[in-house]
Amino acid sequence: MKNERDLWRELKRNTTKISWNRLENRSLLGTPDLLGYNANSTFFTVELKYTSVHKIRFSPHQIAFHVKHENNTFILVGRSPDKGKVCLYPGSEIINLVREGLRLSPLACGWDACQLVLERL
């Protein structure tokens, strides 16, 4: 993984039981990257982030979105140099994620654990 595009490809490959729609929204700033739908008929959003340091950068609009929409919103962080290492955070933790970066304990770590969380919503 080198960037968010690679993270998106890996996510699709590793979460085959989830239906994904990529959101390309230039008019509503802060809207997450993905809309997911699982077998339980639950919709949720995922913001993709990729970092090679412990800090994760968010726009003020992204922070505002997750503060306002706390339920069924998530942030998936791909990490380098830990190739293939991904961590899932609830959107409700965005303020702590901004402050603490990757020192914040994730909701799930690794593709299998992340997929399980999203499938069980």
Protein backbone atom coordinates (compact mmCIF):
# COMPACT_ATOMS: atom_id res chain seq x y z
CA MET A 1 0.00 0.00 0.00
CA LYS A 2 1.30 3.39 -0.95
CA ASN A 3 -1.72 5.70 -0.82
CA GLU A 4 -5.47 5.94 -0.29
CA ARG A 5 -6.18 4.53 -3.76
CA ASP A 6 -4.23 1.38 -2.86
CA LEU A 7 -6.05 1.26 0.49
CA TRP A 8 -9.39 1.38 -1.37
CA ARG A 9 -8.34 -1.52 -3.62
CA GLU A 10 -7.21 -3.58 -0.62
CA LEU A 11 -10.45 -2.82 1.21
CA LYS A 12 -12.55 -4.09 -1.72
CA ARG A 13 -10.40 -7.21 -1.99
CA ASN A 14 -10.60 -7.96 1.75
CA THR A 15 -14.26 -7.16 2.48
CA THR A 16 -16.14 -9.10 -0.19
CA LYS A 17 -19.34 -9.46 1.86
CA ILE A 18 -19.87 -5.70 1.94
CA SER A 19 -21.32 -3.67 -0.92
CA TRP A 20 -19.27 -0.49 -1.44
CA ASN A 21 -20.00 2.79 -3.19
CA ARG A 22 -17.22 5.30 -3.61
CA LEU A 23 -18.43 8.84 -2.92
CA GLU A 24 -16.81 11.53 -5.01
CA ASN A 25 -18.42 14.62 -3.56
CA ARG A 26 -16.88 17.97 -4.30
CA SER A 27 -19.93 19.99 -3.23
CA LEU A 28 -20.33 18.65 0.32
CA LEU A 29 -16.88 18.97 1.82
CA GLY A 30 -16.08 16.47 4.56
CA THR A 31 -18.29 13.69 3.19
CA PRO A 32 -16.52 10.34 3.80
CA ASP A 33 -14.94 8.43 0.92
CA LEU A 34 -17.14 5.35 1.03
CA LEU A 35 -20.70 4.25 1.66
CA GLY A 36 -20.94 0.63 2.77
CA TYR A 37 -23.92 -1.70 3.03
CA ASN A 38 -23.77 -5.05 4.83
CA ALA A 39 -25.90 -8.21 4.90
CA ASN A 40 -27.82 -6.85 7.92
CA SER A 41 -29.15 -4.03 5.67
CA THR A 42 -27.06 -1.47 7.54
CA PHE A 43 -25.53 1.54 5.83
CA PHE A 44 -22.32 3.08 7.15
CA THR A 45 -19.57 5.41 5.96
CA VAL A 46 -15.81 4.98 5.91
CA GLU A 47 -13.18 7.69 5.59
CA LEU A 48 -9.92 6.35 4.15
CA LYS A 49 -6.61 7.65 5.46
CA TYR A 50 -3.07 6.57 4.77
CA THR A 51 -0.07 7.62 6.80
CA SER A 52 3.61 6.85 7.25
CA VAL A 53 3.80 8.72 10.57
CA HIS A 54 1.75 8.42 13.77
CA LYS A 55 -0.26 11.56 13.00
CA ILE A 56 -3.33 11.54 10.74
CA ARG A 57 -4.37 14.65 8.84
CA PHE A 58 -8.03 15.63 8.61
CA SER A 59 -9.68 18.67 7.10
CA PRO A 60 -11.90 20.76 9.36
CA HIS A 61 -14.86 19.59 7.24
CA GLN A 62 -14.01 15.93 7.85
CA ILE A 63 -13.77 16.53 11.58
CA ALA A 64 -17.10 18.37 11.60
CA PHE A 65 -18.79 15.54 9.69
CA HIS A 66 -17.70 12.90 12.18
CA VAL A 67 -18.52 15.07 15.21
CA LYS A 68 -22.03 15.60 13.84
CA HIS A 69 -22.55 11.99 12.66
CA GLU A 70 -21.28 9.75 15.43
CA ASN A 71 -23.12 6.52 14.59
CA ASN A 72 -22.07 4.10 11.87
CA THR A 73 -19.17 6.25 10.70
CA PHE A 74 -15.64 4.93 10.62
CA ILE A 75 -12.09 5.89 9.74
CA LEU A 76 -9.88 3.23 8.17
CA VAL A 77 -6.18 4.01 8.41
CA GLY A 78 -3.57 2.26 6.29
CA ARG A 79 -0.15 2.38 7.87
CA SER A 80 3.31 2.41 6.39
CA PRO A 81 5.90 0.94 6.74
CA ASP A 82 3.65 -1.79 8.21
CA LYS A 83 2.53 -2.94 4.76
CA GLY A 84 -0.95 -4.39 4.91
CA LYS A 85 -1.53 -3.07 8.43
CA VAL A 86 -4.91 -1.36 8.74
CA CYS A 87 -6.75 -0.02 11.75
CA LEU A 88 -10.42 0.91 12.06
CA TYR A 89 -11.58 3.71 14.34
CA PRO A 90 -15.14 4.83 15.07
CA GLY A 91 -15.94 8.26 13.63
CA SER A 92 -17.01 9.34 17.13
CA GLU A 93 -13.32 9.18 18.13
CA ILE A 94 -12.10 11.67 15.51
CA ILE A 95 -11.15 14.37 18.02
CA ASN A 96 -9.06 11.88 19.99
CA LEU A 97 -7.60 10.54 16.75
CA VAL A 98 -6.53 14.05 15.77
CA ARG A 99 -4.90 14.57 19.19
CA GLU A 100 -3.31 11.16 19.72
CA GLY A 101 -2.84 9.86 16.19
CA LEU A 102 -2.04 6.17 15.95
CA ARG A 103 -1.35 6.02 19.69
CA LEU A 104 -5.14 5.84 20.08
CA SER A 105 -6.34 2.26 20.46
CA PRO A 106 -8.30 1.17 17.37
CA LEU A 107 -11.67 -0.52 17.31
CA ALA A 108 -10.13 -3.22 15.11
CA CYS A 109 -6.74 -3.91 13.57
CA GLY A 110 -6.06 -6.10 10.52
CA TRP A 111 -8.34 -6.88 7.59
CA ASP A 112 -10.20 -9.78 9.21
CA ALA A 113 -11.02 -7.84 12.37
CA CYS A 114 -12.06 -4.72 10.44
CA GLN A 115 -14.31 -6.74 8.15
CA LEU A 116 -15.94 -8.47 11.13
CA VAL A 117 -16.79 -5.15 12.80
CA LEU A 118 -18.39 -3.78 9.63
CA GLU A 119 -20.29 -6.99 8.88
CA ARG A 120 -21.81 -7.09 12.38
CA LEU A 121 -23.31 -3.60 12.34
